[in-house]
Amino acid sequence: MAVTVKELLARTYLLTTPTSVVNPAGAGSASGIRIDKCTVSNPQTSNYILTAYIIPSGGSGDNTNKVINGVVIPPGTTYGCPEIVNQVLGPGTSLSLIADTSSKLNVGVSGTVFSG
């Protein structure tokens, strides 16, 4: 089994539509992706809200798979997303992050990819 530590989502600003880390299903996909770090920072001067889902293959983001439910990120702070760290995305599973206002919260995700 090959194990690779990698940046899963390069630092980017969240939108009001999902920004996702996806473990694709099918041949050549990882057998699992463990989220090792997920940080969301707010460099703005107002509060903004973060919501996140871990969505099973073929599913959609709803209350049954919500893992962060509207956490307020105050100005000048960084949130370490303890609800997401150490979660494993199986084949076809995705992590979706959404902000209440586009281009205000900055996110980065890294993890370990297991394949083979």
N, C-alpha and C. Protein backbone atom coordinates (compact mmCIF):
# COMPACT_ATOMS: atom_id res chain seq x y z
N MET A 1 0.85 -1.18 0.00
CA MET A 1 0.00 0.00 0.00
C MET A 1 0.89 1.24 0.00
N ALA A 2 0.60 2.15 -0.88
CA ALA A 2 1.34 3.41 -0.94
C ALA A 2 0.64 4.45 -0.06
N VAL A 3 1.45 5.22 0.65
CA VAL A 3 0.95 6.28 1.53
C VAL A 3 1.64 7.57 1.13
N THR A 4 0.85 8.60 0.84
CA THR A 4 1.39 9.88 0.40
C THR A 4 0.74 11.02 1.18
N VAL A 5 1.56 11.89 1.74
CA VAL A 5 1.03 13.09 2.40
C VAL A 5 0.99 14.18 1.33
N LYS A 6 -0.17 14.85 1.21
CA LYS A 6 -0.26 15.88 0.17
C LYS A 6 -1.25 16.97 0.52
N GLU A 7 -1.11 18.05 -0.20
CA GLU A 7 -2.05 19.16 -0.10
C GLU A 7 -3.29 18.75 -0.89
N LEU A 8 -4.42 18.66 -0.22
CA LEU A 8 -5.65 18.21 -0.86
C LEU A 8 -6.44 19.38 -1.45
N LEU A 9 -6.32 20.52 -0.83
CA LEU A 9 -6.99 21.72 -1.31
C LEU A 9 -6.05 22.89 -1.04
N ALA A 10 -5.48 23.43 -2.12
CA ALA A 10 -4.56 24.57 -1.99
C ALA A 10 -5.33 25.75 -1.40
N ARG A 11 -4.64 26.59 -0.64
CA ARG A 11 -5.30 27.74 0.00
C ARG A 11 -6.13 28.50 -1.02
N THR A 12 -7.37 28.67 -0.70
CA THR A 12 -8.31 29.35 -1.59
C THR A 12 -9.41 29.99 -0.77
N TYR A 13 -10.10 30.96 -1.34
CA TYR A 13 -11.24 31.57 -0.67
C TYR A 13 -12.47 30.73 -0.91
N LEU A 14 -13.26 30.51 0.15
CA LEU A 14 -14.50 29.76 0.05
C LEU A 14 -15.58 30.60 -0.62
N LEU A 15 -16.49 29.90 -1.28
CA LEU A 15 -17.62 30.54 -1.93
C LEU A 15 -18.90 30.15 -1.22
N THR A 16 -20.03 30.65 -1.71
CA THR A 16 -21.32 30.25 -1.16
C THR A 16 -21.81 28.97 -1.84
N THR A 17 -21.07 28.47 -2.81
CA THR A 17 -21.29 27.15 -3.38
C THR A 17 -20.16 26.26 -2.88
N PRO A 18 -20.35 24.94 -2.84
CA PRO A 18 -19.34 24.07 -2.21
C PRO A 18 -17.95 24.13 -2.86
N THR A 19 -16.94 24.21 -2.01
CA THR A 19 -15.55 23.99 -2.39
C THR A 19 -15.23 22.62 -1.82
N SER A 20 -14.80 21.67 -2.68
CA SER A 20 -14.73 20.29 -2.24
C SER A 20 -13.38 19.63 -2.40
N VAL A 21 -13.13 18.68 -1.50
CA VAL A 21 -12.05 17.71 -1.62
C VAL A 21 -12.76 16.40 -1.92
N VAL A 22 -12.44 15.77 -3.04
CA VAL A 22 -13.15 14.57 -3.46
C VAL A 22 -12.18 13.41 -3.60
N ASN A 23 -12.57 12.25 -3.10
CA ASN A 23 -11.85 11.01 -3.36
C ASN A 23 -12.63 10.30 -4.46
N PRO A 24 -12.17 10.38 -5.71
CA PRO A 24 -12.96 9.81 -6.80
C PRO A 24 -13.09 8.30 -6.67
N ALA A 25 -14.24 7.79 -7.08
CA ALA A 25 -14.46 6.34 -7.10
C ALA A 25 -13.90 5.77 -8.40
N GLY A 26 -13.67 4.47 -8.42
CA GLY A 26 -13.25 3.82 -9.65
C GLY A 26 -11.79 3.45 -9.67
N ALA A 27 -11.37 2.90 -10.79
CA ALA A 27 -10.00 2.42 -10.96
C ALA A 27 -8.99 3.53 -10.75
N GLY A 28 -7.94 3.22 -10.01
CA GLY A 28 -6.88 4.18 -9.78
C GLY A 28 -7.16 5.17 -8.67
N SER A 29 -8.32 5.07 -8.04
CA SER A 29 -8.63 6.01 -6.96
C SER A 29 -7.98 5.55 -5.66
N ALA A 30 -7.88 6.46 -4.73
CA ALA A 30 -7.31 6.12 -3.42
C ALA A 30 -8.29 5.25 -2.65
N SER A 31 -7.75 4.32 -1.87
CA SER A 31 -8.63 3.51 -1.03
C SER A 31 -9.14 4.32 0.16
N GLY A 32 -8.46 5.40 0.47
CA GLY A 32 -8.90 6.30 1.53
C GLY A 32 -8.05 7.55 1.58
N ILE A 33 -8.65 8.64 2.02
CA ILE A 33 -7.93 9.89 2.23
C ILE A 33 -8.26 10.33 3.65
N ARG A 34 -7.22 10.48 4.49
CA ARG A 34 -7.42 10.97 5.86
C ARG A 34 -7.13 12.46 5.88
N ILE A 35 -8.04 13.24 6.41
CA ILE A 35 -7.84 14.68 6.55
C ILE A 35 -6.95 14.90 7.77
N ASP A 36 -5.74 15.39 7.56
CA ASP A 36 -4.81 15.63 8.66
C ASP A 36 -4.89 17.06 9.19
N LYS A 37 -5.23 17.99 8.32
CA LYS A 37 -5.30 19.40 8.74
C LYS A 37 -6.29 20.12 7.84
N CYS A 38 -7.10 20.95 8.46
CA CYS A 38 -8.03 21.81 7.73
C CYS A 38 -8.10 23.11 8.51
N THR A 39 -7.63 24.18 7.90
CA THR A 39 -7.67 25.48 8.58
C THR A 39 -8.47 26.47 7.75
N VAL A 40 -9.30 27.22 8.45
CA VAL A 40 -10.10 28.27 7.82
C VAL A 40 -9.77 29.56 8.54
N SER A 41 -9.30 30.54 7.79
CA SER A 41 -8.94 31.82 8.41
C SER A 41 -9.84 32.93 7.89
N ASN A 42 -10.02 33.93 8.74
CA ASN A 42 -10.83 35.09 8.40
C ASN A 42 -9.97 36.34 8.49
N PRO A 43 -9.43 36.79 7.34
CA PRO A 43 -8.60 37.99 7.35
C PRO A 43 -9.42 39.29 7.25
N GLN A 44 -10.73 39.17 7.35
CA GLN A 44 -11.63 40.31 7.16
C GLN A 44 -11.87 41.04 8.49
N THR A 45 -12.79 42.00 8.47
CA THR A 45 -13.10 42.78 9.67
C THR A 45 -14.49 42.47 10.22
N SER A 46 -15.17 41.46 9.65
CA SER A 46 -16.50 41.04 10.12
C SER A 46 -16.51 39.53 10.34
N ASN A 47 -17.49 39.06 11.12
CA ASN A 47 -17.69 37.62 11.30
C ASN A 47 -18.21 36.99 10.01
N TYR A 48 -17.79 35.75 9.73
CA TYR A 48 -18.34 34.96 8.63
C TYR A 48 -18.58 33.55 9.12
N ILE A 49 -19.46 32.84 8.44
CA ILE A 49 -19.93 31.54 8.92
C ILE A 49 -19.48 30.42 7.99
N LEU A 50 -18.99 29.33 8.62
CA LEU A 50 -18.52 28.14 7.92
C LEU A 50 -19.46 26.97 8.17
N THR A 51 -19.79 26.24 7.10
CA THR A 51 -20.55 25.00 7.18
C THR A 51 -19.80 23.96 6.36
N ALA A 52 -19.80 22.71 6.82
CA ALA A 52 -19.10 21.65 6.09
C ALA A 52 -19.88 20.34 6.15
N TYR A 53 -19.70 19.55 5.10
CA TYR A 53 -20.36 18.26 4.97
C TYR A 53 -19.35 17.20 4.55
N ILE A 54 -19.52 15.97 5.03
CA ILE A 54 -18.80 14.83 4.48
C ILE A 54 -19.87 14.01 3.77
N ILE A 55 -19.80 14.01 2.44
CA ILE A 55 -20.88 13.49 1.61
C ILE A 55 -20.50 12.13 1.03
N PRO A 56 -21.32 11.10 1.30
CA PRO A 56 -21.02 9.78 0.75
C PRO A 56 -21.20 9.76 -0.77
N SER A 57 -20.60 8.77 -1.39
CA SER A 57 -20.70 8.61 -2.84
C SER A 57 -22.17 8.63 -3.28
N GLY A 58 -22.47 9.47 -4.26
CA GLY A 58 -23.83 9.56 -4.79
C GLY A 58 -24.78 10.40 -3.96
N GLY A 59 -24.29 10.95 -2.85
CA GLY A 59 -25.16 11.74 -1.97
C GLY A 59 -25.06 13.23 -2.23
N SER A 60 -25.69 14.01 -1.38
CA SER A 60 -25.61 15.46 -1.45
C SER A 60 -25.54 16.00 -0.03
N GLY A 61 -25.09 17.24 0.09
CA GLY A 61 -24.95 17.86 1.40
C GLY A 61 -26.30 18.15 2.03
N ASP A 62 -26.55 17.56 3.19
CA ASP A 62 -27.79 17.81 3.92
C ASP A 62 -27.54 17.60 5.41
N ASN A 63 -28.58 17.70 6.22
CA ASN A 63 -28.41 17.61 7.67
C ASN A 63 -27.90 16.26 8.15
N THR A 64 -28.04 15.21 7.33
CA THR A 64 -27.57 13.89 7.77
C THR A 64 -26.06 13.74 7.68
N ASN A 65 -25.39 14.59 6.91
CA ASN A 65 -23.93 14.47 6.77
C ASN A 65 -23.21 15.80 7.06
N LYS A 66 -23.89 16.70 7.73
CA LYS A 66 -23.28 17.99 8.11
C LYS A 66 -22.35 17.74 9.28
N VAL A 67 -21.09 18.17 9.16
CA VAL A 67 -20.12 17.98 10.24
C VAL A 67 -19.73 19.29 10.93
N ILE A 68 -19.92 20.41 10.25
CA ILE A 68 -19.76 21.73 10.87
C ILE A 68 -21.03 22.50 10.56
N ASN A 69 -21.72 22.91 11.61
CA ASN A 69 -23.03 23.53 11.45
C ASN A 69 -22.98 25.02 11.77
N GLY A 70 -22.57 25.81 10.80
CA GLY A 70 -22.61 27.25 10.97
C GLY A 70 -21.72 27.81 12.05
N VAL A 71 -20.45 27.42 12.05
CA VAL A 71 -19.49 27.96 13.02
C VAL A 71 -19.11 29.38 12.61
N VAL A 72 -19.20 30.31 13.55
CA VAL A 72 -18.81 31.70 13.29
C VAL A 72 -17.29 31.81 13.41
N ILE A 73 -16.66 32.37 12.37
CA ILE A 73 -15.22 32.61 12.38
C ILE A 73 -15.02 34.12 12.56
N PRO A 74 -14.58 34.55 13.74
CA PRO A 74 -14.39 35.98 14.00
C PRO A 74 -13.25 36.58 13.17
N PRO A 75 -13.25 37.89 13.00
CA PRO A 75 -12.19 38.55 12.24
C PRO A 75 -10.81 38.28 12.84
N GLY A 76 -9.84 38.07 11.97
CA GLY A 76 -8.46 37.92 12.41
C GLY A 76 -8.16 36.60 13.09
N THR A 77 -9.04 35.61 12.96
CA THR A 77 -8.81 34.32 13.62
C THR A 77 -8.71 33.19 12.60
N THR A 78 -8.19 32.05 13.08
CA THR A 78 -8.10 30.84 12.27
C THR A 78 -8.77 29.72 13.04
N TYR A 79 -9.60 28.95 12.36
CA TYR A 79 -10.33 27.83 12.96
C TYR A 79 -9.70 26.53 12.46
N GLY A 80 -9.38 25.61 13.37
CA GLY A 80 -8.69 24.37 13.04
C GLY A 80 -9.58 23.20 12.65
N CYS A 81 -10.87 23.39 12.59
CA CYS A 81 -11.83 22.37 12.12
C CYS A 81 -11.66 21.01 12.80
N PRO A 82 -11.74 20.92 14.13
CA PRO A 82 -11.56 19.63 14.79
C PRO A 82 -12.60 18.59 14.37
N GLU A 83 -13.75 19.03 13.87
CA GLU A 83 -14.79 18.11 13.42
C GLU A 83 -14.37 17.33 12.18
N ILE A 84 -13.39 17.87 11.44
CA ILE A 84 -12.97 17.28 10.17
C ILE A 84 -11.65 16.51 10.29
N VAL A 85 -10.76 17.01 11.14
CA VAL A 85 -9.44 16.38 11.27
C VAL A 85 -9.59 14.91 11.68
N ASN A 86 -8.85 14.05 11.00
CA ASN A 86 -8.83 12.60 11.18
C ASN A 86 -10.03 11.88 10.58
N GLN A 87 -10.92 12.59 9.91
CA GLN A 87 -11.99 11.93 9.17
C GLN A 87 -11.38 11.27 7.93
N VAL A 88 -11.95 10.15 7.49
CA VAL A 88 -11.46 9.44 6.31
C VAL A 88 -12.51 9.50 5.22
N LEU A 89 -12.06 9.88 4.02
CA LEU A 89 -12.93 9.90 2.85
C LEU A 89 -12.69 8.62 2.07
N GLY A 90 -13.70 7.75 2.01
CA GLY A 90 -13.60 6.55 1.20
C GLY A 90 -13.81 6.88 -0.27
N PRO A 91 -13.67 5.89 -1.15
CA PRO A 91 -13.88 6.13 -2.58
C PRO A 91 -15.25 6.76 -2.86
N GLY A 92 -15.25 7.83 -3.61
CA GLY A 92 -16.48 8.54 -3.97
C GLY A 92 -16.99 9.51 -2.92
N THR A 93 -16.34 9.58 -1.77
CA THR A 93 -16.77 10.48 -0.69
C THR A 93 -16.11 11.84 -0.87
N SER A 94 -16.83 12.91 -0.48
CA SER A 94 -16.25 14.25 -0.60
C SER A 94 -16.45 15.04 0.69
N LEU A 95 -15.55 15.98 0.89
CA LEU A 95 -15.64 16.97 1.95
C LEU A 95 -16.01 18.27 1.26
N SER A 96 -17.13 18.86 1.62
CA SER A 96 -17.57 20.13 1.02
C SER A 96 -17.61 21.21 2.08
N LEU A 97 -17.00 22.35 1.77
CA LEU A 97 -16.94 23.49 2.69
C LEU A 97 -17.65 24.67 2.03
N ILE A 98 -18.47 25.37 2.81
CA ILE A 98 -19.26 26.48 2.27
C ILE A 98 -19.20 27.65 3.26
N ALA A 99 -19.08 28.86 2.72
CA ALA A 99 -19.12 30.07 3.54
C ALA A 99 -20.45 30.79 3.31
N ASP A 100 -20.85 31.60 4.29
CA ASP A 100 -22.10 32.35 4.12
C ASP A 100 -21.96 33.51 3.15
N THR A 101 -20.72 33.96 2.90
CA THR A 101 -20.44 35.05 1.97
C THR A 101 -19.21 34.67 1.16
N SER A 102 -19.27 34.82 -0.16
CA SER A 102 -18.16 34.42 -1.02
C SER A 102 -16.91 35.25 -0.80
N SER A 103 -15.76 34.58 -0.95
CA SER A 103 -14.44 35.21 -0.98
C SER A 103 -14.06 35.98 0.28
N LYS A 104 -14.51 35.48 1.44
CA LYS A 104 -14.16 36.12 2.72
C LYS A 104 -13.33 35.21 3.61
N LEU A 105 -13.63 33.90 3.62
CA LEU A 105 -12.90 32.93 4.42
C LEU A 105 -11.91 32.17 3.55
N ASN A 106 -10.70 32.00 4.07
CA ASN A 106 -9.64 31.32 3.33
C ASN A 106 -9.44 29.93 3.93
N VAL A 107 -9.36 28.89 3.07
CA VAL A 107 -9.25 27.52 3.55
C VAL A 107 -8.08 26.79 2.91
N GLY A 108 -7.51 25.86 3.66
CA GLY A 108 -6.49 24.95 3.14
C GLY A 108 -6.69 23.59 3.80
N VAL A 109 -6.52 22.52 3.03
CA VAL A 109 -6.70 21.16 3.55
C VAL A 109 -5.54 20.30 3.10
N SER A 110 -4.98 19.54 4.03
CA SER A 110 -3.93 18.57 3.69
C SER A 110 -4.28 17.25 4.34
N GLY A 111 -3.69 16.18 3.80
CA GLY A 111 -3.99 14.88 4.36
C GLY A 111 -3.09 13.79 3.84
N THR A 112 -3.44 12.57 4.20
CA THR A 112 -2.70 11.39 3.80
C THR A 112 -3.57 10.57 2.86
N VAL A 113 -2.98 10.21 1.71
CA VAL A 113 -3.68 9.42 0.70
C VAL A 113 -3.17 7.99 0.77
N PHE A 114 -4.08 7.06 0.91
CA PHE A 114 -3.76 5.63 0.96
C PHE A 114 -4.20 5.00 -0.35
N SER A 115 -3.31 4.36 -1.06
CA SER A 115 -3.68 3.74 -2.33
C SER A 115 -3.02 2.37 -2.46
N GLY A 116 -3.64 1.56 -3.28
CA GLY A 116 -3.07 0.24 -3.54
C GLY A 116 -3.88 -0.86 -2.97
